[in-house]
Amino acid sequence: MLIGEVARRSGVSTRMLRHYDSLGLVRPTGRTVGGYREYSTEDIRRIFHVESLRSLGLSLREIGRALADPAFAPSTLVTDLIRRTEERVKREQELLARLRTVDASEPSAWEDVLRIVELLHGLGSPDAARRQQAVLAPAEDVPVPAELLAGAILAEADPNVAGALRWALARAGGEGVASVASGLDSADTEIRRRAVLALAGMPGEEATALLADALGDADATVRRHAALALGARGVTAAVPTLVRMVVEGTSDVEAAETLGTLAQRTENADRILRALTGELTAPTADAAVRIRLAQALAELPGTLARDALRRLARDDDHAVALVASALAAMLDERSSG
């Protein structure tokens, strides 16, 4: 079969077929009387082999080595191709993310594009100080896309940089909530913790609803961060978790203060008082727990907890009785003042 016919039937151009010949990839086994290339059935089969390997991303040089090596192992080649393709796709995804970030900033001039790219490079730095500087000193007059900040927060392990990112995101006025919320569904506990801390600093009902959902998270730290944030927003659904924090002695001072703030509203006060005093009779309420509960009771407004503290002042444990007595006296002074 002559080269023109082979090109027509195979879809490979005559120019490419001559190139294959020059590289030794597919050399026609015959020549006509006039000296024209003549391809056999086996030659055509080899052309299709070459085209198939090209479609997988191999270079012509790699194809030549593969077809010339009798010990060629297709599985090794395919594994290597998968790795290279994954790397290429990752680079392209990173490029796509950068382009979307630039687009989200709605640049009006090339200077704006360059400033956003500079910020992206800063946030991608392996140096934590450089990343923090990139967040705290953004380019003037160029708004940082909230989606960019949200993505950086979920990936940031350094606490100082993470704090700067949360500050910047909070200034965005509630934008980016959906991007941060995706972190709450992560199987990675650290990402969920970063997400809930970011949401704690974001205003709006959407962020509040997500924080309420986080009260049911499997991780205790996520639940605690959510409870403190919700308590500061006046959401009473946080009360059980806050009381548990006092009992367990984990961020108990912050939890007690938050409960005291919630109890400023009359409709919450009795519920919180009952929750705290109910823990006093629990089997696990040892002396240390009772002291923490007494201190939390003292955070309640007015003299709401005075009777409970007076009862604790008669506790069998001397240290508990001493702390409760001092706190009850403090409440008496508060009421007389």
C-alpha atoms as a PDB file:
ATOM      1  CA  MET A   1       0.000   0.000   0.000  1.00  0.00           C
ATOM      2  CA  LEU A   2       1.490   3.348  -0.994  1.00  0.00           C
ATOM      3  CA  ILE A   3       1.995   6.197   1.456  1.00  0.00           C
ATOM      4  CA  GLY A   4      -0.953   8.247   0.192  1.00  0.00           C
ATOM      5  CA  GLU A   5      -3.366   5.358   0.647  1.00  0.00           C
ATOM      6  CA  VAL A   6      -1.949   4.585   4.093  1.00  0.00           C
ATOM      7  CA  ALA A   7      -2.419   8.228   5.113  1.00  0.00           C
ATOM      8  CA  ARG A   8      -6.005   8.228   3.854  1.00  0.00           C
ATOM      9  CA  ARG A   9      -6.939   5.022   5.673  1.00  0.00           C
ATOM     10  CA  SER A  10      -5.037   5.584   8.905  1.00  0.00           C
ATOM     11  CA  GLY A  11      -5.661   9.304   9.361  1.00  0.00           C
ATOM     12  CA  VAL A  12      -1.921   9.891   9.813  1.00  0.00           C
ATOM     13  CA  SER A  13      -0.604  12.561   7.457  1.00  0.00           C
ATOM     14  CA  THR A  14       1.998  11.713   4.821  1.00  0.00           C
ATOM     15  CA  ARG A  15       4.299  14.243   6.468  1.00  0.00           C
ATOM     16  CA  MET A  16       4.045  12.402   9.802  1.00  0.00           C
ATOM     17  CA  LEU A  17       4.544   9.031   8.101  1.00  0.00           C
ATOM     18  CA  ARG A  18       7.766  10.325   6.528  1.00  0.00           C
ATOM     19  CA  HIS A  19       8.803  11.615   9.947  1.00  0.00           C
ATOM     20  CA  TYR A  20       8.188   8.168  11.443  1.00  0.00           C
ATOM     21  CA  ASP A  21      10.340   6.717   8.671  1.00  0.00           C
ATOM     22  CA  SER A  22      13.186   9.156   9.329  1.00  0.00           C
ATOM     23  CA  LEU A  23      13.150   8.292  13.061  1.00  0.00           C
ATOM     24  CA  GLY A  24      13.053   4.579  12.363  1.00  0.00           C
ATOM     25  CA  LEU A  25       9.702   4.193  14.090  1.00  0.00           C
ATOM     26  CA  VAL A  26       7.818   2.834  11.073  1.00  0.00           C
ATOM     27  CA  ARG A  27       9.905   2.063   8.029  1.00  0.00           C
ATOM     28  CA  PRO A  28       8.010   0.675   5.054  1.00  0.00           C
ATOM     29  CA  THR A  29       9.336  -2.778   4.254  1.00  0.00           C
ATOM     30  CA  GLY A  30       8.944  -2.391   0.517  1.00  0.00           C
ATOM     31  CA  ARG A  31       9.599  -0.072  -2.373  1.00  0.00           C
ATOM     32  CA  THR A  32       7.884   0.043  -5.748  1.00  0.00           C
ATOM     33  CA  VAL A  33       9.787  -0.195  -9.022  1.00  0.00           C
ATOM     34  CA  GLY A  34       9.672   3.596  -9.103  1.00  0.00           C
ATOM     35  CA  GLY A  35      11.165   3.819  -5.587  1.00  0.00           C
ATOM     36  CA  TYR A  36       7.992   4.817  -3.731  1.00  0.00           C
ATOM     37  CA  ARG A  37       7.391   3.647  -0.151  1.00  0.00           C
ATOM     38  CA  GLU A  38       5.206   0.579   0.083  1.00  0.00           C
ATOM     39  CA  TYR A  39       3.707  -0.433   3.413  1.00  0.00           C
ATOM     40  CA  SER A  40       2.887  -3.995   4.361  1.00  0.00           C
ATOM     41  CA  THR A  41       0.046  -5.093   6.660  1.00  0.00           C
ATOM     42  CA  GLU A  42       2.566  -5.412   9.512  1.00  0.00           C
ATOM     43  CA  ASP A  43       3.835  -1.874   8.835  1.00  0.00           C
ATOM     44  CA  ILE A  44       0.313  -0.499   9.071  1.00  0.00           C
ATOM     45  CA  ARG A  45      -0.257  -2.396  12.314  1.00  0.00           C
ATOM     46  CA  ARG A  46       2.891  -0.768  13.720  1.00  0.00           C
ATOM     47  CA  ILE A  47       1.588   2.665  12.686  1.00  0.00           C
ATOM     48  CA  PHE A  48      -1.507   2.078  14.776  1.00  0.00           C
ATOM     49  CA  HIS A  49       0.674   0.947  17.689  1.00  0.00           C
ATOM     50  CA  VAL A  50       2.638   4.187  17.472  1.00  0.00           C
ATOM     51  CA  GLU A  51      -0.531   6.297  17.320  1.00  0.00           C
ATOM     52  CA  SER A  52      -2.031   4.459  20.282  1.00  0.00           C
ATOM     53  CA  LEU A  53       1.040   5.113  22.427  1.00  0.00           C
ATOM     54  CA  ARG A  54       1.093   8.756  21.324  1.00  0.00           C
ATOM     55  CA  SER A  55      -2.502   9.095  22.503  1.00  0.00           C
ATOM     56  CA  LEU A  56      -1.312   8.069  25.987  1.00  0.00           C
ATOM     57  CA  GLY A  57       1.116  10.968  26.091  1.00  0.00           C
ATOM     58  CA  LEU A  58       4.399   9.275  25.157  1.00  0.00           C
ATOM     59  CA  SER A  59       6.976  11.120  23.115  1.00  0.00           C
ATOM     60  CA  LEU A  60       8.118   9.596  19.820  1.00  0.00           C
ATOM     61  CA  ARG A  61      11.493   8.822  21.382  1.00  0.00           C
ATOM     62  CA  GLU A  62       9.821   6.945  24.256  1.00  0.00           C
ATOM     63  CA  ILE A  63       7.651   5.064  21.775  1.00  0.00           C
ATOM     64  CA  GLY A  64      10.712   4.038  19.796  1.00  0.00           C
ATOM     65  CA  ARG A  65      12.426   2.695  22.916  1.00  0.00           C
ATOM     66  CA  ALA A  66       9.296   0.839  24.011  1.00  0.00           C
ATOM     67  CA  LEU A  67       8.761  -0.862  20.635  1.00  0.00           C
ATOM     68  CA  ALA A  68      12.444  -1.741  20.269  1.00  0.00           C
ATOM     69  CA  ASP A  69      12.777  -3.320  23.718  1.00  0.00           C
ATOM     70  CA  PRO A  70      11.744  -6.994  23.767  1.00  0.00           C
ATOM     71  CA  ALA A  71      11.565  -6.820  27.572  1.00  0.00           C
ATOM     72  CA  PHE A  72       9.158  -3.868  27.448  1.00  0.00           C
ATOM     73  CA  ALA A  73       6.636  -4.058  30.333  1.00  0.00           C
ATOM     74  CA  PRO A  74       3.380  -2.212  29.546  1.00  0.00           C
ATOM     75  CA  SER A  75       2.377  -2.104  33.217  1.00  0.00           C
ATOM     76  CA  THR A  76       5.508  -0.121  34.119  1.00  0.00           C
ATOM     77  CA  LEU A  77       4.827   2.331  31.312  1.00  0.00           C
ATOM     78  CA  VAL A  78       1.198   2.802  32.292  1.00  0.00           C
ATOM     79  CA  THR A  79       2.134   3.384  35.949  1.00  0.00           C
ATOM     80  CA  ASP A  80       4.651   6.027  34.925  1.00  0.00           C
ATOM     81  CA  LEU A  81       2.107   7.666  32.622  1.00  0.00           C
ATOM     82  CA  ILE A  82      -0.443   7.812  35.438  1.00  0.00           C
ATOM     83  CA  ARG A  83       2.083   9.537  37.713  1.00  0.00           C
ATOM     84  CA  ARG A  84       3.065  12.066  35.065  1.00  0.00           C
ATOM     85  CA  THR A  85      -0.547  12.755  34.152  1.00  0.00           C
ATOM     86  CA  GLU A  86      -1.495  13.301  37.793  1.00  0.00           C
ATOM     87  CA  GLU A  87       1.360  15.784  38.157  1.00  0.00           C
ATOM     88  CA  ARG A  88       0.281  17.607  35.012  1.00  0.00           C
ATOM     89  CA  VAL A  89      -3.357  17.715  36.110  1.00  0.00           C
ATOM     90  CA  LYS A  90      -2.297  19.043  39.514  1.00  0.00           C
ATOM     91  CA  ARG A  91      -0.299  21.845  37.871  1.00  0.00           C
ATOM     92  CA  GLU A  92      -3.215  22.686  35.609  1.00  0.00           C
ATOM     93  CA  GLN A  93      -5.644  22.694  38.531  1.00  0.00           C
ATOM     94  CA  GLU A  94      -3.338  25.042  40.425  1.00  0.00           C
ATOM     95  CA  LEU A  95      -3.177  27.301  37.394  1.00  0.00           C
ATOM     96  CA  LEU A  96      -6.968  27.194  37.051  1.00  0.00           C
ATOM     97  CA  ALA A  97      -7.369  28.098  40.720  1.00  0.00           C
ATOM     98  CA  ARG A  98      -5.006  31.053  40.312  1.00  0.00           C
ATOM     99  CA  LEU A  99      -6.856  32.261  37.229  1.00  0.00           C
ATOM    100  CA  ARG A 100     -10.204  32.014  39.021  1.00  0.00           C
ATOM    101  CA  THR A 101      -8.781  33.908  41.962  1.00  0.00           C
ATOM    102  CA  VAL A 102      -7.572  36.689  39.721  1.00  0.00           C
ATOM    103  CA  ASP A 103     -10.940  36.757  37.945  1.00  0.00           C
ATOM    104  CA  ALA A 104     -12.810  36.941  41.265  1.00  0.00           C
ATOM    105  CA  SER A 105     -10.887  40.078  42.171  1.00  0.00           C
ATOM    106  CA  GLU A 106     -12.388  41.747  39.084  1.00  0.00           C
ATOM    107  CA  PRO A 107      -9.142  43.457  38.048  1.00  0.00           C
ATOM    108  CA  SER A 108      -9.560  46.669  36.097  1.00  0.00           C
ATOM    109  CA  ALA A 109      -5.949  46.854  34.928  1.00  0.00           C
ATOM    110  CA  TRP A 110      -2.881  44.661  34.523  1.00  0.00           C
ATOM    111  CA  GLU A 111      -1.422  46.235  37.670  1.00  0.00           C
ATOM    112  CA  ASP A 112      -4.317  44.724  39.646  1.00  0.00           C
ATOM    113  CA  VAL A 113      -3.650  41.300  38.133  1.00  0.00           C
ATOM    114  CA  LEU A 114       0.025  41.516  39.056  1.00  0.00           C
ATOM    115  CA  ARG A 115      -0.805  42.495  42.640  1.00  0.00           C
ATOM    116  CA  ILE A 116      -3.111  39.515  43.093  1.00  0.00           C
ATOM    117  CA  VAL A 117      -0.483  37.205  41.583  1.00  0.00           C
ATOM    118  CA  GLU A 118       2.072  38.652  44.005  1.00  0.00           C
ATOM    119  CA  LEU A 119      -0.308  37.890  46.891  1.00  0.00           C
ATOM    120  CA  LEU A 120      -0.748  34.329  45.627  1.00  0.00           C
ATOM    121  CA  HIS A 121       3.006  33.859  45.539  1.00  0.00           C
ATOM    122  CA  GLY A 122       3.258  35.218  49.079  1.00  0.00           C
ATOM    123  CA  LEU A 123       0.616  32.861  50.397  1.00  0.00           C
ATOM    124  CA  GLY A 124       2.341  29.962  48.656  1.00  0.00           C
ATOM    125  CA  SER A 125       5.681  30.689  50.292  1.00  0.00           C
ATOM    126  CA  PRO A 126       7.197  27.949  52.484  1.00  0.00           C
ATOM    127  CA  ASP A 127       8.162  30.694  54.952  1.00  0.00           C
ATOM    128  CA  ALA A 128       5.427  31.388  57.528  1.00  0.00           C
ATOM    129  CA  ALA A 129       6.603  34.960  58.107  1.00  0.00           C
ATOM    130  CA  ARG A 130       6.336  35.679  54.377  1.00  0.00           C
ATOM    131  CA  ARG A 131       2.815  34.239  54.276  1.00  0.00           C
ATOM    132  CA  GLN A 132       1.757  36.334  57.245  1.00  0.00           C
ATOM    133  CA  GLN A 133       3.244  39.468  55.703  1.00  0.00           C
ATOM    134  CA  ALA A 134       1.358  38.778  52.469  1.00  0.00           C
ATOM    135  CA  VAL A 135      -1.927  38.721  54.409  1.00  0.00           C
ATOM    136  CA  LEU A 136      -1.296  41.730  56.648  1.00  0.00           C
ATOM    137  CA  ALA A 137       0.131  43.959  53.927  1.00  0.00           C
ATOM    138  CA  PRO A 138      -2.095  43.415  50.883  1.00  0.00           C
ATOM    139  CA  ALA A 139      -1.808  45.535  47.792  1.00  0.00           C
ATOM    140  CA  GLU A 140      -3.612  48.830  48.065  1.00  0.00           C
ATOM    141  CA  ASP A 141      -6.990  49.219  46.403  1.00  0.00           C
ATOM    142  CA  VAL A 142      -7.097  45.550  45.375  1.00  0.00           C
ATOM    143  CA  PRO A 143      -9.700  43.541  47.323  1.00  0.00           C
ATOM    144  CA  VAL A 144      -8.512  40.079  48.292  1.00  0.00           C
ATOM    145  CA  PRO A 145     -11.051  37.477  47.098  1.00  0.00           C
ATOM    146  CA  ALA A 146     -12.716  35.837  50.089  1.00  0.00           C
ATOM    147  CA  GLU A 147     -12.463  32.452  48.385  1.00  0.00           C
ATOM    148  CA  LEU A 148      -8.684  32.826  48.304  1.00  0.00           C
ATOM    149  CA  LEU A 149      -8.551  33.624  52.020  1.00  0.00           C
ATOM    150  CA  ALA A 150     -10.907  30.766  52.849  1.00  0.00           C
ATOM    151  CA  GLY A 151      -8.829  28.249  50.923  1.00  0.00           C
ATOM    152  CA  ALA A 152      -5.642  29.506  52.561  1.00  0.00           C
ATOM    153  CA  ILE A 153      -7.206  29.234  56.038  1.00  0.00           C
ATOM    154  CA  LEU A 154      -8.181  25.605  55.553  1.00  0.00           C
ATOM    155  CA  ALA A 155      -4.641  24.755  54.440  1.00  0.00           C
ATOM    156  CA  GLU A 156      -2.688  26.861  56.954  1.00  0.00           C
ATOM    157  CA  ALA A 157      -1.022  25.014  59.834  1.00  0.00           C
ATOM    158  CA  ASP A 158       0.917  27.921  61.354  1.00  0.00           C
ATOM    159  CA  PRO A 159      -1.230  29.513  64.105  1.00  0.00           C
ATOM    160  CA  ASN A 160       0.083  33.047  63.545  1.00  0.00           C
ATOM    161  CA  VAL A 161      -0.550  32.978  59.817  1.00  0.00           C
ATOM    162  CA  ALA A 162      -3.951  31.357  60.403  1.00  0.00           C
ATOM    163  CA  GLY A 163      -4.855  34.162  62.801  1.00  0.00           C
ATOM    164  CA  ALA A 164      -3.916  36.789  60.230  1.00  0.00           C
ATOM    165  CA  LEU A 165      -5.976  35.001  57.591  1.00  0.00           C
ATOM    166  CA  ARG A 166      -9.016  34.827  59.876  1.00  0.00           C
ATOM    167  CA  TRP A 167      -8.650  38.539  60.604  1.00  0.00           C
ATOM    168  CA  ALA A 168      -8.529  39.337  56.907  1.00  0.00           C
ATOM    169  CA  LEU A 169     -11.501  37.101  56.168  1.00  0.00           C
ATOM    170  CA  ALA A 170     -13.559  38.652  58.974  1.00  0.00           C
ATOM    171  CA  ARG A 171     -12.946  42.038  57.369  1.00  0.00           C
ATOM    172  CA  ALA A 172     -14.531  40.703  54.183  1.00  0.00           C
ATOM    173  CA  GLY A 173     -17.903  41.064  55.947  1.00  0.00           C
ATOM    174  CA  GLY A 174     -19.227  37.516  55.776  1.00  0.00           C
ATOM    175  CA  GLU A 175     -18.108  36.725  52.240  1.00  0.00           C
ATOM    176  CA  GLY A 176     -16.515  33.339  51.733  1.00  0.00           C
ATOM    177  CA  VAL A 177     -18.705  31.511  54.253  1.00  0.00           C
ATOM    178  CA  ALA A 178     -19.533  28.773  51.756  1.00  0.00           C
ATOM    179  CA  SER A 179     -15.855  28.231  50.964  1.00  0.00           C
ATOM    180  CA  VAL A 180     -14.974  27.912  54.647  1.00  0.00           C
ATOM    181  CA  ALA A 181     -17.984  25.673  55.285  1.00  0.00           C
ATOM    182  CA  SER A 182     -16.577  23.047  52.933  1.00  0.00           C
ATOM    183  CA  GLY A 183     -13.903  22.431  55.548  1.00  0.00           C
ATOM    184  CA  LEU A 184     -16.493  21.250  58.067  1.00  0.00           C
ATOM    185  CA  ASP A 185     -17.141  18.193  55.885  1.00  0.00           C
ATOM    186  CA  SER A 186     -13.488  17.200  55.745  1.00  0.00           C
ATOM    187  CA  ALA A 187     -12.360  13.853  57.126  1.00  0.00           C
ATOM    188  CA  ASP A 188      -9.287  15.700  58.418  1.00  0.00           C
ATOM    189  CA  THR A 189      -9.900  16.887  61.980  1.00  0.00           C
ATOM    190  CA  GLU A 190      -7.379  19.733  61.661  1.00  0.00           C
ATOM    191  CA  ILE A 191      -9.206  21.164  58.656  1.00  0.00           C
ATOM    192  CA  ARG A 192     -12.523  21.080  60.530  1.00  0.00           C
ATOM    193  CA  ARG A 193     -10.899  22.908  63.438  1.00  0.00           C
ATOM    194  CA  ARG A 194      -9.548  25.588  61.104  1.00  0.00           C
ATOM    195  CA  ALA A 195     -12.957  25.940  59.489  1.00  0.00           C
ATOM    196  CA  VAL A 196     -14.848  26.399  62.754  1.00  0.00           C
ATOM    197  CA  LEU A 197     -12.333  28.981  64.014  1.00  0.00           C
ATOM    198  CA  ALA A 198     -12.752  30.926  60.785  1.00  0.00           C
ATOM    199  CA  LEU A 199     -16.545  30.792  61.011  1.00  0.00           C
ATOM    200  CA  ALA A 200     -16.353  32.019  64.601  1.00  0.00           C
ATOM    201  CA  GLY A 201     -15.019  35.320  63.324  1.00  0.00           C
ATOM    202  CA  MET A 202     -17.504  35.681  60.478  1.00  0.00           C
ATOM    203  CA  PRO A 203     -20.788  37.548  60.980  1.00  0.00           C
ATOM    204  CA  GLY A 204     -24.198  36.574  59.699  1.00  0.00           C
ATOM    205  CA  GLU A 205     -26.896  33.966  60.102  1.00  0.00           C
ATOM    206  CA  GLU A 206     -25.267  31.535  57.681  1.00  0.00           C
ATOM    207  CA  ALA A 207     -22.104  31.349  59.761  1.00  0.00           C
ATOM    208  CA  THR A 208     -24.175  30.991  62.950  1.00  0.00           C
ATOM    209  CA  ALA A 209     -26.153  28.082  61.494  1.00  0.00           C
ATOM    210  CA  LEU A 210     -22.943  26.311  60.473  1.00  0.00           C
ATOM    211  CA  LEU A 211     -21.499  26.796  63.940  1.00  0.00           C
ATOM    212  CA  ALA A 212     -24.653  25.267  65.428  1.00  0.00           C
ATOM    213  CA  ASP A 213     -24.188  22.227  63.201  1.00  0.00           C
ATOM    214  CA  ALA A 214     -20.585  21.970  64.394  1.00  0.00           C
ATOM    215  CA  LEU A 215     -21.833  21.354  67.952  1.00  0.00           C
ATOM    216  CA  GLY A 216     -22.479  17.795  66.777  1.00  0.00           C
ATOM    217  CA  ASP A 217     -18.970  17.268  65.400  1.00  0.00           C
ATOM    218  CA  ALA A 218     -17.107  14.122  66.445  1.00  0.00           C
ATOM    219  CA  ASP A 219     -14.129  16.184  67.590  1.00  0.00           C
ATOM    220  CA  ALA A 220     -14.351  17.796  71.033  1.00  0.00           C
ATOM    221  CA  THR A 221     -12.156  20.738  70.032  1.00  0.00           C
ATOM    222  CA  VAL A 222     -14.435  21.591  67.114  1.00  0.00           C
ATOM    223  CA  ARG A 223     -17.429  21.454  69.451  1.00  0.00           C
ATOM    224  CA  ARG A 224     -15.717  23.709  71.998  1.00  0.00           C
ATOM    225  CA  HIS A 225     -14.769  26.356  69.427  1.00  0.00           C
ATOM    226  CA  ALA A 226     -18.325  26.309  68.087  1.00  0.00           C
ATOM    227  CA  ALA A 227     -19.852  26.598  71.560  1.00  0.00           C
ATOM    228  CA  LEU A 228     -17.733  29.599  72.546  1.00  0.00           C
ATOM    229  CA  ALA A 229     -18.559  31.370  69.289  1.00  0.00           C
ATOM    230  CA  LEU A 230     -22.274  30.613  69.550  1.00  0.00           C
ATOM    231  CA  GLY A 231     -22.398  31.656  73.190  1.00  0.00           C
ATOM    232  CA  ALA A 232     -20.884  35.008  72.260  1.00  0.00           C
ATOM    233  CA  ARG A 233     -23.692  35.364  69.715  1.00  0.00           C
ATOM    234  CA  GLY A 234     -26.346  34.640  72.337  1.00  0.00           C
ATOM    235  CA  VAL A 235     -27.256  31.172  71.021  1.00  0.00           C
ATOM    236  CA  THR A 236     -28.433  29.010  73.926  1.00  0.00           C
ATOM    237  CA  ALA A 237     -27.882  25.768  72.010  1.00  0.00           C
ATOM    238  CA  ALA A 238     -24.271  26.126  73.147  1.00  0.00           C
ATOM    239  CA  VAL A 239     -25.140  25.836  76.860  1.00  0.00           C
ATOM    240  CA  PRO A 240     -24.721  22.015  77.250  1.00  0.00           C
ATOM    241  CA  THR A 241     -21.310  22.086  75.587  1.00  0.00           C
ATOM    242  CA  LEU A 242     -20.202  25.097  77.621  1.00  0.00           C
ATOM    243  CA  VAL A 243     -21.248  23.406  80.868  1.00  0.00           C
ATOM    244  CA  ARG A 244     -19.384  20.262  79.790  1.00  0.00           C
ATOM    245  CA  MET A 245     -16.281  22.390  79.223  1.00  0.00           C
ATOM    246  CA  VAL A 246     -16.508  23.677  82.786  1.00  0.00           C
ATOM    247  CA  VAL A 247     -16.899  20.147  84.139  1.00  0.00           C
ATOM    248  CA  GLU A 248     -13.997  18.788  82.094  1.00  0.00           C
ATOM    249  CA  GLY A 249     -11.736  21.754  82.804  1.00  0.00           C
ATOM    250  CA  THR A 250     -11.060  22.508  79.145  1.00  0.00           C
ATOM    251  CA  SER A 251     -11.145  26.256  78.441  1.00  0.00           C
ATOM    252  CA  ASP A 252     -13.386  26.338  81.526  1.00  0.00           C
ATOM    253  CA  VAL A 253     -12.688  30.000  82.311  1.00  0.00           C
ATOM    254  CA  GLU A 254     -13.790  31.094  78.841  1.00  0.00           C
ATOM    255  CA  ALA A 255     -16.807  28.776  79.025  1.00  0.00           C
ATOM    256  CA  ALA A 256     -17.822  30.166  82.441  1.00  0.00           C
ATOM    257  CA  GLU A 257     -17.533  33.737  81.206  1.00  0.00           C
ATOM    258  CA  THR A 258     -19.612  32.905  78.135  1.00  0.00           C
ATOM    259  CA  LEU A 259     -22.296  31.276  80.292  1.00  0.00           C
ATOM    260  CA  GLY A 260     -22.335  34.408  82.443  1.00  0.00           C
ATOM    261  CA  THR A 261     -22.882  36.545  79.368  1.00  0.00           C
ATOM    262  CA  LEU A 262     -25.700  34.309  78.148  1.00  0.00           C
ATOM    263  CA  ALA A 263     -27.333  34.460  81.596  1.00  0.00           C
ATOM    264  CA  GLN A 264     -27.620  38.238  81.323  1.00  0.00           C
ATOM    265  CA  ARG A 265     -30.833  37.538  79.458  1.00  0.00           C
ATOM    266  CA  THR A 266     -33.518  36.607  81.966  1.00  0.00           C
ATOM    267  CA  GLU A 267     -34.974  33.823  79.816  1.00  0.00           C
ATOM    268  CA  ASN A 268     -31.603  32.048  79.837  1.00  0.00           C
ATOM    269  CA  ALA A 269     -30.596  32.539  83.460  1.00  0.00           C
ATOM    270  CA  ASP A 270     -32.635  29.775  85.133  1.00  0.00           C
ATOM    271  CA  ARG A 271     -31.698  27.233  82.484  1.00  0.00           C
ATOM    272  CA  ILE A 272     -27.994  27.907  82.938  1.00  0.00           C
ATOM    273  CA  LEU A 273     -28.280  27.864  86.731  1.00  0.00           C
ATOM    274  CA  ARG A 274     -30.035  24.480  86.622  1.00  0.00           C
ATOM    275  CA  ALA A 275     -27.461  23.081  84.211  1.00  0.00           C
ATOM    276  CA  LEU A 276     -24.560  24.082  86.449  1.00  0.00           C
ATOM    277  CA  THR A 277     -26.095  23.012  89.761  1.00  0.00           C
ATOM    278  CA  GLY A 278     -27.241  19.739  88.226  1.00  0.00           C
ATOM    279  CA  GLU A 279     -23.607  18.815  87.591  1.00  0.00           C
ATOM    280  CA  LEU A 280     -22.771  19.273  91.272  1.00  0.00           C
ATOM    281  CA  THR A 281     -24.523  16.018  92.166  1.00  0.00           C
ATOM    282  CA  ALA A 282     -23.120  13.988  89.274  1.00  0.00           C
ATOM    283  CA  PRO A 283     -21.060  10.913  90.278  1.00  0.00           C
ATOM    284  CA  THR A 284     -18.045  12.367  88.480  1.00  0.00           C
ATOM    285  CA  ALA A 285     -18.212  15.704  90.319  1.00  0.00           C
ATOM    286  CA  ASP A 286     -15.055  15.432  92.411  1.00  0.00           C
ATOM    287  CA  ALA A 287     -13.628  18.345  94.387  1.00  0.00           C
ATOM    288  CA  ALA A 288     -11.863  19.877  91.383  1.00  0.00           C
ATOM    289  CA  VAL A 289     -15.072  19.742  89.323  1.00  0.00           C
ATOM    290  CA  ARG A 290     -17.116  21.294  92.122  1.00  0.00           C
ATOM    291  CA  ILE A 291     -14.630  24.149  92.449  1.00  0.00           C
ATOM    292  CA  ARG A 292     -14.848  24.882  88.734  1.00  0.00           C
ATOM    293  CA  LEU A 293     -18.644  24.781  88.903  1.00  0.00           C
ATOM    294  CA  ALA A 294     -18.590  27.175  91.848  1.00  0.00           C
ATOM    295  CA  GLN A 295     -16.427  29.576  89.890  1.00  0.00           C
ATOM    296  CA  ALA A 296     -18.785  29.322  86.902  1.00  0.00           C
ATOM    297  CA  LEU A 297     -21.782  29.975  89.165  1.00  0.00           C
ATOM    298  CA  ALA A 298     -20.101  33.133  90.417  1.00  0.00           C
ATOM    299  CA  GLU A 299     -20.053  34.437  86.817  1.00  0.00           C
ATOM    300  CA  LEU A 300     -23.861  34.501  86.691  1.00  0.00           C
ATOM    301  CA  PRO A 301     -25.422  37.955  86.997  1.00  0.00           C
ATOM    302  CA  GLY A 302     -26.638  39.485  90.253  1.00  0.00           C
ATOM    303  CA  THR A 303     -27.121  37.084  93.124  1.00  0.00           C
ATOM    304  CA  LEU A 304     -28.592  34.332  90.959  1.00  0.00           C
ATOM    305  CA  ALA A 305     -26.150  31.694  92.218  1.00  0.00           C
ATOM    306  CA  ARG A 306     -25.832  32.861  95.829  1.00  0.00           C
ATOM    307  CA  ASP A 307     -27.967  30.061  97.315  1.00  0.00           C
ATOM    308  CA  ALA A 308     -26.070  27.404  95.375  1.00  0.00           C
ATOM    309  CA  LEU A 309     -22.754  28.820  96.542  1.00  0.00           C
ATOM    310  CA  ARG A 310     -23.912  28.948 100.156  1.00  0.00           C
ATOM    311  CA  ARG A 311     -24.779  25.261  99.962  1.00  0.00           C
ATOM    312  CA  LEU A 312     -21.350  24.553  98.524  1.00  0.00           C
ATOM    313  CA  ALA A 313     -19.809  26.524 101.379  1.00  0.00           C
ATOM    314  CA  ARG A 314     -20.874  23.578 103.588  1.00  0.00           C
ATOM    315  CA  ASP A 315     -19.207  21.031 101.308  1.00  0.00           C
ATOM    316  CA  ASP A 316     -17.361  18.163 102.962  1.00  0.00           C
ATOM    317  CA  ASP A 317     -14.225  19.054 101.043  1.00  0.00           C
ATOM    318  CA  HIS A 318     -12.441  21.947 102.760  1.00  0.00           C
ATOM    319  CA  ALA A 319     -11.058  23.452  99.560  1.00  0.00           C
ATOM    320  CA  VAL A 320     -14.483  23.423  97.883  1.00  0.00           C
ATOM    321  CA  ALA A 321     -16.126  24.968 100.949  1.00  0.00           C
ATOM    322  CA  LEU A 322     -13.465  27.658 101.158  1.00  0.00           C
ATOM    323  CA  VAL A 323     -13.777  28.685  97.495  1.00  0.00           C
ATOM    324  CA  ALA A 324     -17.583  28.642  97.595  1.00  0.00           C
ATOM    325  CA  SER A 325     -17.660  30.673 100.793  1.00  0.00           C
ATOM    326  CA  ALA A 326     -15.392  33.342  99.308  1.00  0.00           C
ATOM    327  CA  LEU A 327     -17.459  33.495  96.129  1.00  0.00           C
ATOM    328  CA  ALA A 328     -20.727  33.743  98.088  1.00  0.00           C
ATOM    329  CA  ALA A 329     -19.256  36.625 100.087  1.00  0.00           C
ATOM    330  CA  MET A 330     -18.274  38.302  96.829  1.00  0.00           C
ATOM    331  CA  LEU A 331     -21.858  38.040  95.589  1.00  0.00           C
ATOM    332  CA  ASP A 332     -23.101  39.533  98.873  1.00  0.00           C
ATOM    333  CA  GLU A 333     -20.791  42.494  98.354  1.00  0.00           C
ATOM    334  CA  ARG A 334     -21.996  42.808  94.777  1.00  0.00           C
ATOM    335  CA  SER A 335     -25.634  42.998  95.902  1.00  0.00           C
ATOM    336  CA  SER A 336     -24.956  45.449  98.739  1.00  0.00           C
ATOM    337  CA  GLY A 337     -22.859  47.672  96.486  1.00  0.00           C
END
